[in-house]
Amino acid sequence: MDNGIVMTVANLIRDILMLVLGNEFIVSLIMKFIGIGALLGAISGAAIAFTYTERKVCAFVQVRLGPNRVGPMGLLQPIADMLKLMTKEDIIPNGVDRVVWALAPILLFVPSALAYAFFPFDDGAIFADVNVGIFLLIAISSQSVLTFLMGGYASNSKYGMIGAMRAVATSLAYEAPMVFSLLGIVMLTGSLRMSDIVTVQGDNVWFIVLQPIAFLIYITTCMAETNRTPFDFVECESEIVAGAFTEYSGMRWALFFLAEYANLLSISVLTTTFFLGGWTGPVLPGFVWFWIKTLLMLFVFLWFRWTFPRVRIDQMMSFCWKVLLPLALVNVLLTGVGIYIYRWM
């Protein structure tokens, strides 16, 4: 296939830089920094836009007004919130492990941003199209568990530690059915490469049709992994304290907040890639199709949050081990049987 619009623009910028600088190494280095800057800018911009979008979706679902005073239709409310967080006092409680406590919010954002290197935004538009893309993606995203534990433990607060332990329990439990739900896709594709998964769907049919059970398992585990309601046990909004983030304020707390929205965008992108055909689609450019599907899934995840009530932690763990994991294993078995029958026919 021809390269998509993103790669066309990138090649045009590269040609201009080569014409001006004439050095392949310097041009490649500059292009890498341009790509990294574009990703970080997109993540930061998405966090600002999502704060407004989530409030508006919440208002729509619950028949409320939402932001409507700061700027036209409340559009400047996210900017006001950002300025408030940037100017808030940075309070460091007594008795904390200062090094670990300060590193936790920074390290939480790193895997959230690094995961974007494996996302195929358009045909050819992927930073690291490695042959073990799914494996690396899961390995990197699972590192966020450590940062929650670091933040809660280093805070020297029983509330922070309890919140961190709940985060670890949730993440470790729900990673198992998530991996098995993706195993069916790997079996159908015969590859762990992200671009191959999209290409196979473009040539045949989207995996949401072939793997509906895996789709439902995956979006459920994604909500648990990103601590979205009804699985919000890291920072329960009904509690007085803020779980693992209890002792953080100002920009340190904002980094946790930014990582949450980066993860929200990540799971929307991954759902699009794994089950909705990625950038593939008729008439419109692949980049446009990719973002249409991603924004649709983003709305679905926001809709879920403001519709379903929070469950108890014991109900959540029982649902994972007694329902989702056996269902994911059954889906793998059915996928294997289906592949065998298809090849036999």
C-alpha atoms as a PDB file:
ATOM      1  CA  MET A   1       0.000   0.000   0.000  1.00  0.00           C
ATOM      2  CA  ASP A   2       1.081   3.598  -0.510  1.00  0.00           C
ATOM      3  CA  ASN A   3       2.126   5.568   2.511  1.00  0.00           C
ATOM      4  CA  GLY A   4      -0.608   7.518   4.272  1.00  0.00           C
ATOM      5  CA  ILE A   5      -0.907  11.269   4.658  1.00  0.00           C
ATOM      6  CA  VAL A   6       1.214  11.343   7.820  1.00  0.00           C
ATOM      7  CA  MET A   7       4.198   9.688   6.141  1.00  0.00           C
ATOM      8  CA  THR A   8       3.728  11.889   3.067  1.00  0.00           C
ATOM      9  CA  VAL A   9       4.029  15.022   5.204  1.00  0.00           C
ATOM     10  CA  ALA A  10       6.966  13.535   7.148  1.00  0.00           C
ATOM     11  CA  ASN A  11       8.806  12.709   3.910  1.00  0.00           C
ATOM     12  CA  LEU A  12       8.183  16.232   2.642  1.00  0.00           C
ATOM     13  CA  ILE A  13       9.688  17.729   5.826  1.00  0.00           C
ATOM     14  CA  ARG A  14      12.644  15.339   5.556  1.00  0.00           C
ATOM     15  CA  ASP A  15      13.273  16.360   1.934  1.00  0.00           C
ATOM     16  CA  ILE A  16      13.226  20.059   2.891  1.00  0.00           C
ATOM     17  CA  LEU A  17      15.664  19.462   5.758  1.00  0.00           C
ATOM     18  CA  MET A  18      17.962  17.446   3.479  1.00  0.00           C
ATOM     19  CA  LEU A  19      17.923  20.281   0.970  1.00  0.00           C
ATOM     20  CA  VAL A  20      18.845  22.814   3.666  1.00  0.00           C
ATOM     21  CA  LEU A  21      21.270  20.779   5.825  1.00  0.00           C
ATOM     22  CA  GLY A  22      22.527  18.094   3.471  1.00  0.00           C
ATOM     23  CA  ASN A  23      23.476  15.699   6.278  1.00  0.00           C
ATOM     24  CA  GLU A  24      21.503  12.449   6.617  1.00  0.00           C
ATOM     25  CA  PHE A  25      22.422  11.841  10.266  1.00  0.00           C
ATOM     26  CA  ILE A  26      21.446  15.340  11.425  1.00  0.00           C
ATOM     27  CA  VAL A  27      18.211  15.230   9.440  1.00  0.00           C
ATOM     28  CA  SER A  28      17.293  11.822  10.941  1.00  0.00           C
ATOM     29  CA  LEU A  29      18.024  13.151  14.438  1.00  0.00           C
ATOM     30  CA  ILE A  30      15.890  16.243  13.868  1.00  0.00           C
ATOM     31  CA  MET A  31      13.047  14.109  12.504  1.00  0.00           C
ATOM     32  CA  LYS A  32      13.153  11.938  15.633  1.00  0.00           C
ATOM     33  CA  PHE A  33      12.880  15.016  17.852  1.00  0.00           C
ATOM     34  CA  ILE A  34      10.047  16.381  15.717  1.00  0.00           C
ATOM     35  CA  GLY A  35       8.177  13.109  16.107  1.00  0.00           C
ATOM     36  CA  ILE A  36       8.746  12.976  19.870  1.00  0.00           C
ATOM     37  CA  GLY A  37       7.676  16.607  20.215  1.00  0.00           C
ATOM     38  CA  ALA A  38       4.530  15.944  18.169  1.00  0.00           C
ATOM     39  CA  LEU A  39       3.624  12.969  20.370  1.00  0.00           C
ATOM     40  CA  LEU A  40       4.209  14.834  23.640  1.00  0.00           C
ATOM     41  CA  GLY A  41       2.260  17.793  22.309  1.00  0.00           C
ATOM     42  CA  ALA A  42      -0.602  15.514  21.275  1.00  0.00           C
ATOM     43  CA  ILE A  43      -0.663  13.847  24.714  1.00  0.00           C
ATOM     44  CA  SER A  44      -0.621  17.184  26.557  1.00  0.00           C
ATOM     45  CA  GLY A  45      -3.220  18.674  24.244  1.00  0.00           C
ATOM     46  CA  ALA A  46      -5.391  15.597  24.605  1.00  0.00           C
ATOM     47  CA  ALA A  47      -5.270  15.884  28.406  1.00  0.00           C
ATOM     48  CA  ILE A  48      -6.503  19.478  28.183  1.00  0.00           C
ATOM     49  CA  ALA A  49      -9.230  18.587  25.690  1.00  0.00           C
ATOM     50  CA  PHE A  50     -10.316  15.492  27.612  1.00  0.00           C
ATOM     51  CA  THR A  51     -10.928  17.393  30.841  1.00  0.00           C
ATOM     52  CA  TYR A  52     -13.482  19.488  28.992  1.00  0.00           C
ATOM     53  CA  THR A  53     -14.880  16.573  26.995  1.00  0.00           C
ATOM     54  CA  GLU A  54     -15.316  14.376  30.043  1.00  0.00           C
ATOM     55  CA  ARG A  55     -17.225  17.075  31.893  1.00  0.00           C
ATOM     56  CA  LYS A  56     -19.473  17.668  28.911  1.00  0.00           C
ATOM     57  CA  VAL A  57     -20.118  13.947  28.434  1.00  0.00           C
ATOM     58  CA  CYS A  58     -20.848  13.641  32.163  1.00  0.00           C
ATOM     59  CA  ALA A  59     -23.271  16.566  31.908  1.00  0.00           C
ATOM     60  CA  PHE A  60     -24.974  14.992  28.887  1.00  0.00           C
ATOM     61  CA  VAL A  61     -25.327  11.562  30.516  1.00  0.00           C
ATOM     62  CA  GLN A  62     -26.499  12.893  33.877  1.00  0.00           C
ATOM     63  CA  VAL A  63     -28.607  15.791  32.510  1.00  0.00           C
ATOM     64  CA  ARG A  64     -26.386  18.514  33.931  1.00  0.00           C
ATOM     65  CA  LEU A  65     -24.947  21.741  32.526  1.00  0.00           C
ATOM     66  CA  GLY A  66     -21.208  21.114  32.669  1.00  0.00           C
ATOM     67  CA  PRO A  67     -18.630  23.924  32.173  1.00  0.00           C
ATOM     68  CA  ASN A  68     -20.441  27.017  30.894  1.00  0.00           C
ATOM     69  CA  ARG A  69     -18.942  30.102  32.555  1.00  0.00           C
ATOM     70  CA  VAL A  70     -15.201  30.357  31.824  1.00  0.00           C
ATOM     71  CA  GLY A  71     -15.110  31.369  28.176  1.00  0.00           C
ATOM     72  CA  PRO A  72     -17.778  30.617  25.561  1.00  0.00           C
ATOM     73  CA  MET A  73     -19.531  27.350  26.479  1.00  0.00           C
ATOM     74  CA  GLY A  74     -16.872  26.854  29.177  1.00  0.00           C
ATOM     75  CA  LEU A  75     -14.116  26.201  26.616  1.00  0.00           C
ATOM     76  CA  LEU A  76     -11.494  28.005  28.696  1.00  0.00           C
ATOM     77  CA  GLN A  77     -12.207  25.959  31.834  1.00  0.00           C
ATOM     78  CA  PRO A  78      -9.372  23.450  31.135  1.00  0.00           C
ATOM     79  CA  ILE A  79      -6.925  26.365  30.724  1.00  0.00           C
ATOM     80  CA  ALA A  80      -8.056  27.783  34.065  1.00  0.00           C
ATOM     81  CA  ASP A  81      -7.605  24.389  35.703  1.00  0.00           C
ATOM     82  CA  MET A  82      -4.117  24.059  34.216  1.00  0.00           C
ATOM     83  CA  LEU A  83      -3.076  27.503  35.484  1.00  0.00           C
ATOM     84  CA  LYS A  84      -4.475  26.670  38.909  1.00  0.00           C
ATOM     85  CA  LEU A  85      -2.415  23.478  39.133  1.00  0.00           C
ATOM     86  CA  MET A  86       0.740  25.216  37.913  1.00  0.00           C
ATOM     87  CA  THR A  87       0.468  27.949  40.551  1.00  0.00           C
ATOM     88  CA  LYS A  88      -0.505  25.719  43.466  1.00  0.00           C
ATOM     89  CA  GLU A  89       1.959  25.321  46.322  1.00  0.00           C
ATOM     90  CA  ASP A  90       4.102  22.192  46.121  1.00  0.00           C
ATOM     91  CA  ILE A  91       3.772  20.694  49.597  1.00  0.00           C
ATOM     92  CA  ILE A  92       6.188  17.976  50.698  1.00  0.00           C
ATOM     93  CA  PRO A  93       4.890  16.236  53.848  1.00  0.00           C
ATOM     94  CA  ASN A  94       7.201  15.349  56.717  1.00  0.00           C
ATOM     95  CA  GLY A  95       8.542  11.809  56.835  1.00  0.00           C
ATOM     96  CA  VAL A  96       8.286  11.013  53.118  1.00  0.00           C
ATOM     97  CA  ASP A  97      11.036   9.275  51.182  1.00  0.00           C
ATOM     98  CA  ARG A  98      11.813  12.367  49.130  1.00  0.00           C
ATOM     99  CA  VAL A  99      13.625  10.703  46.216  1.00  0.00           C
ATOM    100  CA  VAL A 100      11.088   7.912  45.640  1.00  0.00           C
ATOM    101  CA  TRP A 101       8.169  10.235  46.362  1.00  0.00           C
ATOM    102  CA  ALA A 102       9.365  12.772  43.774  1.00  0.00           C
ATOM    103  CA  LEU A 103      10.173  10.144  41.138  1.00  0.00           C
ATOM    104  CA  ALA A 104       6.773   8.385  41.279  1.00  0.00           C
ATOM    105  CA  PRO A 105       4.683  10.921  39.267  1.00  0.00           C
ATOM    106  CA  ILE A 106       7.477  11.351  36.708  1.00  0.00           C
ATOM    107  CA  LEU A 107       8.006   7.636  36.193  1.00  0.00           C
ATOM    108  CA  LEU A 108       4.246   7.058  35.906  1.00  0.00           C
ATOM    109  CA  PHE A 109       4.089   9.334  32.887  1.00  0.00           C
ATOM    110  CA  VAL A 110       7.084   7.682  31.155  1.00  0.00           C
ATOM    111  CA  PRO A 111       5.432   4.324  30.255  1.00  0.00           C
ATOM    112  CA  SER A 112       2.222   6.156  29.347  1.00  0.00           C
ATOM    113  CA  ALA A 113       4.115   8.238  26.796  1.00  0.00           C
ATOM    114  CA  LEU A 114       6.493   5.466  25.667  1.00  0.00           C
ATOM    115  CA  ALA A 115       3.594   3.230  24.639  1.00  0.00           C
ATOM    116  CA  TYR A 116       2.765   5.671  21.824  1.00  0.00           C
ATOM    117  CA  ALA A 117       5.916   4.557  19.986  1.00  0.00           C
ATOM    118  CA  PHE A 118       4.129   1.315  19.046  1.00  0.00           C
ATOM    119  CA  PHE A 119       0.859   2.826  17.783  1.00  0.00           C
ATOM    120  CA  PRO A 120       0.266   2.713  13.991  1.00  0.00           C
ATOM    121  CA  PHE A 121      -1.435   6.072  13.400  1.00  0.00           C
ATOM    122  CA  ASP A 122      -1.511   5.614   9.625  1.00  0.00           C
ATOM    123  CA  ASP A 123       0.005   3.393   6.957  1.00  0.00           C
ATOM    124  CA  GLY A 124       3.750   3.578   7.710  1.00  0.00           C
ATOM    125  CA  ALA A 125       3.275   6.127  10.517  1.00  0.00           C
ATOM    126  CA  ILE A 126       4.679   4.198  13.473  1.00  0.00           C
ATOM    127  CA  PHE A 127       7.840   4.932  15.439  1.00  0.00           C
ATOM    128  CA  ALA A 128       8.786   1.360  16.340  1.00  0.00           C
ATOM    129  CA  ASP A 129       7.153  -1.278  14.153  1.00  0.00           C
ATOM    130  CA  VAL A 130       8.910  -4.182  15.877  1.00  0.00           C
ATOM    131  CA  ASN A 131       8.002  -7.848  15.407  1.00  0.00           C
ATOM    132  CA  VAL A 132       7.095  -8.204  19.115  1.00  0.00           C
ATOM    133  CA  GLY A 133       5.028  -5.031  19.327  1.00  0.00           C
ATOM    134  CA  ILE A 134       2.178  -6.404  21.459  1.00  0.00           C
ATOM    135  CA  PHE A 135       4.609  -8.047  23.873  1.00  0.00           C
ATOM    136  CA  LEU A 136       6.605  -4.831  24.359  1.00  0.00           C
ATOM    137  CA  LEU A 137       3.442  -2.765  24.681  1.00  0.00           C
ATOM    138  CA  ILE A 138       2.088  -4.949  27.493  1.00  0.00           C
ATOM    139  CA  ALA A 139       5.494  -5.078  29.206  1.00  0.00           C
ATOM    140  CA  ILE A 140       5.881  -1.283  29.154  1.00  0.00           C
ATOM    141  CA  SER A 141       2.320  -0.477  30.221  1.00  0.00           C
ATOM    142  CA  SER A 142       2.540  -2.899  33.165  1.00  0.00           C
ATOM    143  CA  GLN A 143       5.376  -0.836  34.663  1.00  0.00           C
ATOM    144  CA  SER A 144       2.871   1.752  35.888  1.00  0.00           C
ATOM    145  CA  VAL A 145       2.050  -0.634  38.748  1.00  0.00           C
ATOM    146  CA  LEU A 146       5.453   0.062  40.297  1.00  0.00           C
ATOM    147  CA  THR A 147       4.968   3.827  40.271  1.00  0.00           C
ATOM    148  CA  PHE A 148       1.648   3.614  42.131  1.00  0.00           C
ATOM    149  CA  LEU A 149       3.332   1.458  44.756  1.00  0.00           C
ATOM    150  CA  MET A 150       6.283   3.868  44.922  1.00  0.00           C
ATOM    151  CA  GLY A 151       3.994   6.863  45.450  1.00  0.00           C
ATOM    152  CA  GLY A 152       1.890   5.194  48.131  1.00  0.00           C
ATOM    153  CA  TYR A 153       4.827   3.648  49.996  1.00  0.00           C
ATOM    154  CA  ALA A 154       7.064   6.737  49.896  1.00  0.00           C
ATOM    155  CA  SER A 155       4.239   8.989  51.124  1.00  0.00           C
ATOM    156  CA  ASN A 156       4.512   7.504  54.633  1.00  0.00           C
ATOM    157  CA  SER A 157       0.709   7.537  54.778  1.00  0.00           C
ATOM    158  CA  LYS A 158      -1.583   4.613  55.491  1.00  0.00           C
ATOM    159  CA  TYR A 159      -4.175   6.062  53.112  1.00  0.00           C
ATOM    160  CA  GLY A 160      -1.635   6.341  50.295  1.00  0.00           C
ATOM    161  CA  MET A 161      -0.327   2.831  50.960  1.00  0.00           C
ATOM    162  CA  ILE A 162      -3.804   1.280  50.945  1.00  0.00           C
ATOM    163  CA  GLY A 163      -4.621   3.050  47.688  1.00  0.00           C
ATOM    164  CA  ALA A 164      -1.354   1.835  46.153  1.00  0.00           C
ATOM    165  CA  MET A 165      -2.029  -1.757  47.230  1.00  0.00           C
ATOM    166  CA  ARG A 166      -5.465  -1.629  45.626  1.00  0.00           C
ATOM    167  CA  ALA A 167      -3.879  -0.327  42.418  1.00  0.00           C
ATOM    168  CA  VAL A 168      -1.349  -3.177  42.362  1.00  0.00           C
ATOM    169  CA  ALA A 169      -4.005  -5.812  43.045  1.00  0.00           C
ATOM    170  CA  THR A 170      -6.232  -4.445  40.283  1.00  0.00           C
ATOM    171  CA  SER A 171      -3.501  -4.166  37.657  1.00  0.00           C
ATOM    172  CA  LEU A 172      -1.936  -7.565  38.311  1.00  0.00           C
ATOM    173  CA  ALA A 173      -5.305  -9.324  38.273  1.00  0.00           C
ATOM    174  CA  TYR A 174      -6.743  -7.751  35.135  1.00  0.00           C
ATOM    175  CA  GLU A 175      -3.575  -8.085  33.064  1.00  0.00           C
ATOM    176  CA  ALA A 176      -4.142 -11.863  32.837  1.00  0.00           C
ATOM    177  CA  PRO A 177      -7.521 -11.800  31.007  1.00  0.00           C
ATOM    178  CA  MET A 178      -6.302  -8.843  28.927  1.00  0.00           C
ATOM    179  CA  VAL A 179      -3.347 -10.832  27.588  1.00  0.00           C
ATOM    180  CA  PHE A 180      -5.501 -13.878  26.852  1.00  0.00           C
ATOM    181  CA  SER A 181      -8.072 -11.720  25.057  1.00  0.00           C
ATOM    182  CA  LEU A 182      -5.312 -10.479  22.733  1.00  0.00           C
ATOM    183  CA  LEU A 183      -3.988 -14.001  22.207  1.00  0.00           C
ATOM    184  CA  GLY A 184      -6.933 -14.780  19.908  1.00  0.00           C
ATOM    185  CA  ILE A 185      -5.944 -11.846  17.684  1.00  0.00           C
ATOM    186  CA  VAL A 186      -2.340 -13.040  17.588  1.00  0.00           C
ATOM    187  CA  MET A 187      -3.549 -16.512  16.571  1.00  0.00           C
ATOM    188  CA  LEU A 188      -5.626 -15.092  13.721  1.00  0.00           C
ATOM    189  CA  THR A 189      -2.911 -12.711  12.564  1.00  0.00           C
ATOM    190  CA  GLY A 190       0.103 -14.966  13.059  1.00  0.00           C
ATOM    191  CA  SER A 191       2.141 -11.951  14.127  1.00  0.00           C
ATOM    192  CA  LEU A 192       2.837  -9.710  17.123  1.00  0.00           C
ATOM    193  CA  ARG A 193       3.579  -6.735  14.852  1.00  0.00           C
ATOM    194  CA  MET A 194       1.042  -3.925  15.244  1.00  0.00           C
ATOM    195  CA  SER A 195       1.030  -2.971  11.562  1.00  0.00           C
ATOM    196  CA  ASP A 196       0.354  -6.600  10.555  1.00  0.00           C
ATOM    197  CA  ILE A 197      -2.718  -6.679  12.794  1.00  0.00           C
ATOM    198  CA  VAL A 198      -4.160  -3.640  11.007  1.00  0.00           C
ATOM    199  CA  THR A 199      -3.210  -4.943   7.550  1.00  0.00           C
ATOM    200  CA  VAL A 200      -4.939  -8.301   8.124  1.00  0.00           C
ATOM    201  CA  GLN A 201      -8.142  -6.516   9.156  1.00  0.00           C
ATOM    202  CA  GLY A 202      -7.959  -4.249   6.132  1.00  0.00           C
ATOM    203  CA  ASP A 203      -7.615  -7.234   3.802  1.00  0.00           C
ATOM    204  CA  ASN A 204     -10.389  -9.276   5.468  1.00  0.00           C
ATOM    205  CA  VAL A 205     -12.773  -8.245   8.255  1.00  0.00           C
ATOM    206  CA  TRP A 206     -12.380  -6.328  11.514  1.00  0.00           C
ATOM    207  CA  PHE A 207     -11.551  -8.477  14.522  1.00  0.00           C
ATOM    208  CA  ILE A 208     -14.537  -7.138  16.455  1.00  0.00           C
ATOM    209  CA  VAL A 209     -16.569  -9.421  14.149  1.00  0.00           C
ATOM    210  CA  LEU A 210     -14.312 -12.460  14.572  1.00  0.00           C
ATOM    211  CA  GLN A 211     -13.493 -11.854  18.250  1.00  0.00           C
ATOM    212  CA  PRO A 212     -16.563 -10.273  19.922  1.00  0.00           C
ATOM    213  CA  ILE A 213     -15.908 -12.015  23.258  1.00  0.00           C
ATOM    214  CA  ALA A 214     -12.294 -10.837  23.251  1.00  0.00           C
ATOM    215  CA  PHE A 215     -13.492  -7.301  22.483  1.00  0.00           C
ATOM    216  CA  LEU A 216     -15.792  -7.206  25.510  1.00  0.00           C
ATOM    217  CA  ILE A 217     -13.096  -8.690  27.760  1.00  0.00           C
ATOM    218  CA  TYR A 218     -10.507  -6.257  26.474  1.00  0.00           C
ATOM    219  CA  ILE A 219     -12.492  -3.054  27.000  1.00  0.00           C
ATOM    220  CA  THR A 220     -13.480  -4.263  30.489  1.00  0.00           C
ATOM    221  CA  THR A 221      -9.877  -4.961  31.474  1.00  0.00           C
ATOM    222  CA  CYS A 222      -8.785  -1.651  29.938  1.00  0.00           C
ATOM    223  CA  MET A 223     -11.145   0.254  32.209  1.00  0.00           C
ATOM    224  CA  ALA A 224      -9.721  -1.624  35.188  1.00  0.00           C
ATOM    225  CA  GLU A 225      -6.099  -1.081  34.090  1.00  0.00           C
ATOM    226  CA  THR A 226      -6.617   2.655  33.657  1.00  0.00           C
ATOM    227  CA  ASN A 227      -8.562   2.944  36.930  1.00  0.00           C
ATOM    228  CA  ARG A 228     -11.743   4.167  35.317  1.00  0.00           C
ATOM    229  CA  THR A 229     -15.106   3.850  37.027  1.00  0.00           C
ATOM    230  CA  PRO A 230     -16.636   1.342  37.833  1.00  0.00           C
ATOM    231  CA  PHE A 231     -13.111   0.040  38.641  1.00  0.00           C
ATOM    232  CA  ASP A 232     -11.731   3.220  40.198  1.00  0.00           C
ATOM    233  CA  PHE A 233      -9.910   1.868  43.253  1.00  0.00           C
ATOM    234  CA  VAL A 234      -6.708   3.900  43.088  1.00  0.00           C
ATOM    235  CA  GLU A 235      -8.483   7.170  43.780  1.00  0.00           C
ATOM    236  CA  CYS A 236     -12.045   6.523  44.886  1.00  0.00           C
ATOM    237  CA  GLU A 237     -13.930   9.762  44.397  1.00  0.00           C
ATOM    238  CA  SER A 238     -16.403   8.814  47.128  1.00  0.00           C
ATOM    239  CA  GLU A 239     -13.594   8.804  49.712  1.00  0.00           C
ATOM    240  CA  ILE A 240     -12.227  11.819  51.542  1.00  0.00           C
ATOM    241  CA  VAL A 241      -8.639  10.960  50.641  1.00  0.00           C
ATOM    242  CA  ALA A 242      -7.213  10.399  47.165  1.00  0.00           C
ATOM    243  CA  GLY A 243      -5.709   6.927  47.489  1.00  0.00           C
ATOM    244  CA  ALA A 244      -2.132   6.640  46.249  1.00  0.00           C
ATOM    245  CA  PHE A 245      -2.154  10.379  45.392  1.00  0.00           C
ATOM    246  CA  THR A 246      -3.200  11.581  48.867  1.00  0.00           C
ATOM    247  CA  GLU A 247       0.061  13.370  49.712  1.00  0.00           C
ATOM    248  CA  TYR A 248       0.599  14.979  46.285  1.00  0.00           C
ATOM    249  CA  SER A 249      -0.376  18.495  45.234  1.00  0.00           C
ATOM    250  CA  GLY A 250       0.193  21.001  42.442  1.00  0.00           C
ATOM    251  CA  MET A 251       2.087  19.842  39.375  1.00  0.00           C
ATOM    252  CA  ARG A 252       3.089  16.535  40.961  1.00  0.00           C
ATOM    253  CA  TRP A 253      -0.573  15.594  41.228  1.00  0.00           C
ATOM    254  CA  ALA A 254      -1.125  16.987  37.725  1.00  0.00           C
ATOM    255  CA  LEU A 255       1.379  14.447  36.338  1.00  0.00           C
ATOM    256  CA  PHE A 256      -0.765  11.617  37.740  1.00  0.00           C
ATOM    257  CA  PHE A 257      -3.747  13.317  36.131  1.00  0.00           C
ATOM    258  CA  LEU A 258      -1.919  13.688  32.803  1.00  0.00           C
ATOM    259  CA  ALA A 259      -0.877  10.020  32.843  1.00  0.00           C
ATOM    260  CA  GLU A 260      -4.501   8.964  33.399  1.00  0.00           C
ATOM    261  CA  TYR A 261      -5.672  10.801  30.293  1.00  0.00           C
ATOM    262  CA  ALA A 262      -2.665   9.590  28.295  1.00  0.00           C
ATOM    263  CA  ASN A 263      -3.700   6.047  29.223  1.00  0.00           C
ATOM    264  CA  LEU A 264      -7.310   6.800  28.308  1.00  0.00           C
ATOM    265  CA  LEU A 265      -6.212   7.860  24.835  1.00  0.00           C
ATOM    266  CA  SER A 266      -3.924   4.789  24.676  1.00  0.00           C
ATOM    267  CA  ILE A 267      -6.700   2.283  25.303  1.00  0.00           C
ATOM    268  CA  SER A 268      -8.896   4.017  22.729  1.00  0.00           C
ATOM    269  CA  VAL A 269      -6.062   3.794  20.178  1.00  0.00           C
ATOM    270  CA  LEU A 270      -5.363   0.153  21.031  1.00  0.00           C
ATOM    271  CA  THR A 271      -9.015  -0.845  20.783  1.00  0.00           C
ATOM    272  CA  THR A 272      -9.117   0.808  17.371  1.00  0.00           C
ATOM    273  CA  THR A 273      -5.955  -1.004  16.309  1.00  0.00           C
ATOM    274  CA  PHE A 274      -6.842  -4.445  17.640  1.00  0.00           C
ATOM    275  CA  PHE A 275     -10.559  -4.639  16.868  1.00  0.00           C
ATOM    276  CA  LEU A 276     -11.690  -1.803  14.561  1.00  0.00           C
ATOM    277  CA  GLY A 277      -9.236  -2.081  11.695  1.00  0.00           C
ATOM    278  CA  GLY A 278      -6.922   0.771  12.675  1.00  0.00           C
ATOM    279  CA  TRP A 279      -6.462   3.271   9.862  1.00  0.00           C
ATOM    280  CA  THR A 280      -8.275   1.157   7.249  1.00  0.00           C
ATOM    281  CA  GLY A 281     -11.484   2.481   5.730  1.00  0.00           C
ATOM    282  CA  PRO A 282     -13.046   3.628   2.443  1.00  0.00           C
ATOM    283  CA  VAL A 283     -12.774   7.044   0.742  1.00  0.00           C
ATOM    284  CA  LEU A 284     -11.277   9.047   3.626  1.00  0.00           C
ATOM    285  CA  PRO A 285      -7.522   9.082   4.362  1.00  0.00           C
ATOM    286  CA  GLY A 286      -6.322   6.449   6.817  1.00  0.00           C
ATOM    287  CA  PHE A 287      -5.286   9.058   9.380  1.00  0.00           C
ATOM    288  CA  VAL A 288      -8.841  10.434   9.437  1.00  0.00           C
ATOM    289  CA  TRP A 289     -10.390   6.971   9.841  1.00  0.00           C
ATOM    290  CA  PHE A 290      -7.973   6.227  12.654  1.00  0.00           C
ATOM    291  CA  TRP A 291      -9.030   9.264  14.693  1.00  0.00           C
ATOM    292  CA  ILE A 292     -12.734   8.816  13.967  1.00  0.00           C
ATOM    293  CA  LYS A 293     -12.607   5.299  15.436  1.00  0.00           C
ATOM    294  CA  THR A 294     -10.377   6.395  18.327  1.00  0.00           C
ATOM    295  CA  LEU A 295     -12.680   9.261  19.307  1.00  0.00           C
ATOM    296  CA  LEU A 296     -15.682   6.929  19.081  1.00  0.00           C
ATOM    297  CA  MET A 297     -14.035   4.518  21.531  1.00  0.00           C
ATOM    298  CA  LEU A 298     -13.039   7.447  23.736  1.00  0.00           C
ATOM    299  CA  PHE A 299     -16.694   8.472  23.981  1.00  0.00           C
ATOM    300  CA  VAL A 300     -17.628   4.876  24.862  1.00  0.00           C
ATOM    301  CA  PHE A 301     -15.127   4.799  27.743  1.00  0.00           C
ATOM    302  CA  LEU A 302     -16.348   8.178  29.033  1.00  0.00           C
ATOM    303  CA  TRP A 303     -19.923   7.001  28.698  1.00  0.00           C
ATOM    304  CA  PHE A 304     -19.165   3.881  30.768  1.00  0.00           C
ATOM    305  CA  ARG A 305     -17.581   5.936  33.524  1.00  0.00           C
ATOM    306  CA  TRP A 306     -20.590   8.165  34.057  1.00  0.00           C
ATOM    307  CA  THR A 307     -23.169   5.395  33.691  1.00  0.00           C
ATOM    308  CA  PHE A 308     -22.095   2.442  35.850  1.00  0.00           C
ATOM    309  CA  PRO A 309     -21.755   2.620  39.656  1.00  0.00           C
ATOM    310  CA  ARG A 310     -18.526   1.633  41.376  1.00  0.00           C
ATOM    311  CA  VAL A 311     -18.290  -1.977  42.533  1.00  0.00           C
ATOM    312  CA  ARG A 312     -16.641  -3.264  45.685  1.00  0.00           C
ATOM    313  CA  ILE A 313     -13.037  -4.456  45.561  1.00  0.00           C
ATOM    314  CA  ASP A 314     -14.021  -8.055  46.375  1.00  0.00           C
ATOM    315  CA  GLN A 315     -16.654  -8.029  43.607  1.00  0.00           C
ATOM    316  CA  MET A 316     -14.087  -6.663  41.202  1.00  0.00           C
ATOM    317  CA  MET A 317     -11.486  -9.334  41.961  1.00  0.00           C
ATOM    318  CA  SER A 318     -14.068 -12.136  41.858  1.00  0.00           C
ATOM    319  CA  PHE A 319     -15.327 -10.900  38.499  1.00  0.00           C
ATOM    320  CA  CYS A 320     -11.765 -10.997  37.129  1.00  0.00           C
ATOM    321  CA  TRP A 321     -10.735 -14.466  38.330  1.00  0.00           C
ATOM    322  CA  LYS A 322     -14.112 -16.219  38.137  1.00  0.00           C
ATOM    323  CA  VAL A 323     -15.617 -14.670  34.987  1.00  0.00           C
ATOM    324  CA  LEU A 324     -13.188 -12.788  32.753  1.00  0.00           C
ATOM    325  CA  LEU A 325     -10.197 -15.142  32.941  1.00  0.00           C
ATOM    326  CA  PRO A 326     -12.193 -18.376  32.273  1.00  0.00           C
ATOM    327  CA  LEU A 327     -14.083 -16.590  29.494  1.00  0.00           C
ATOM    328  CA  ALA A 328     -10.798 -15.438  27.925  1.00  0.00           C
ATOM    329  CA  LEU A 329      -9.427 -18.995  28.035  1.00  0.00           C
ATOM    330  CA  VAL A 330     -12.614 -20.339  26.430  1.00  0.00           C
ATOM    331  CA  ASN A 331     -12.259 -17.696  23.701  1.00  0.00           C
ATOM    332  CA  VAL A 332      -8.689 -18.857  22.997  1.00  0.00           C
ATOM    333  CA  LEU A 333      -9.932 -22.460  22.753  1.00  0.00           C
ATOM    334  CA  LEU A 334     -12.776 -21.531  20.397  1.00  0.00           C
ATOM    335  CA  THR A 335     -10.382 -19.476  18.263  1.00  0.00           C
ATOM    336  CA  GLY A 336      -8.026 -22.431  17.941  1.00  0.00           C
ATOM    337  CA  VAL A 337     -10.877 -24.764  16.998  1.00  0.00           C
ATOM    338  CA  GLY A 338     -12.174 -22.231  14.475  1.00  0.00           C
ATOM    339  CA  ILE A 339      -8.743 -21.870  12.846  1.00  0.00           C
ATOM    340  CA  TYR A 340      -8.364 -25.670  12.628  1.00  0.00           C
ATOM    341  CA  ILE A 341     -11.815 -26.073  11.012  1.00  0.00           C
ATOM    342  CA  TYR A 342     -11.147 -23.231   8.561  1.00  0.00           C
ATOM    343  CA  ARG A 343      -7.857 -24.765   7.429  1.00  0.00           C
ATOM    344  CA  TRP A 344      -9.406 -28.234   7.202  1.00  0.00           C
ATOM    345  CA  MET A 345     -12.186 -26.933   4.978  1.00  0.00           C
END
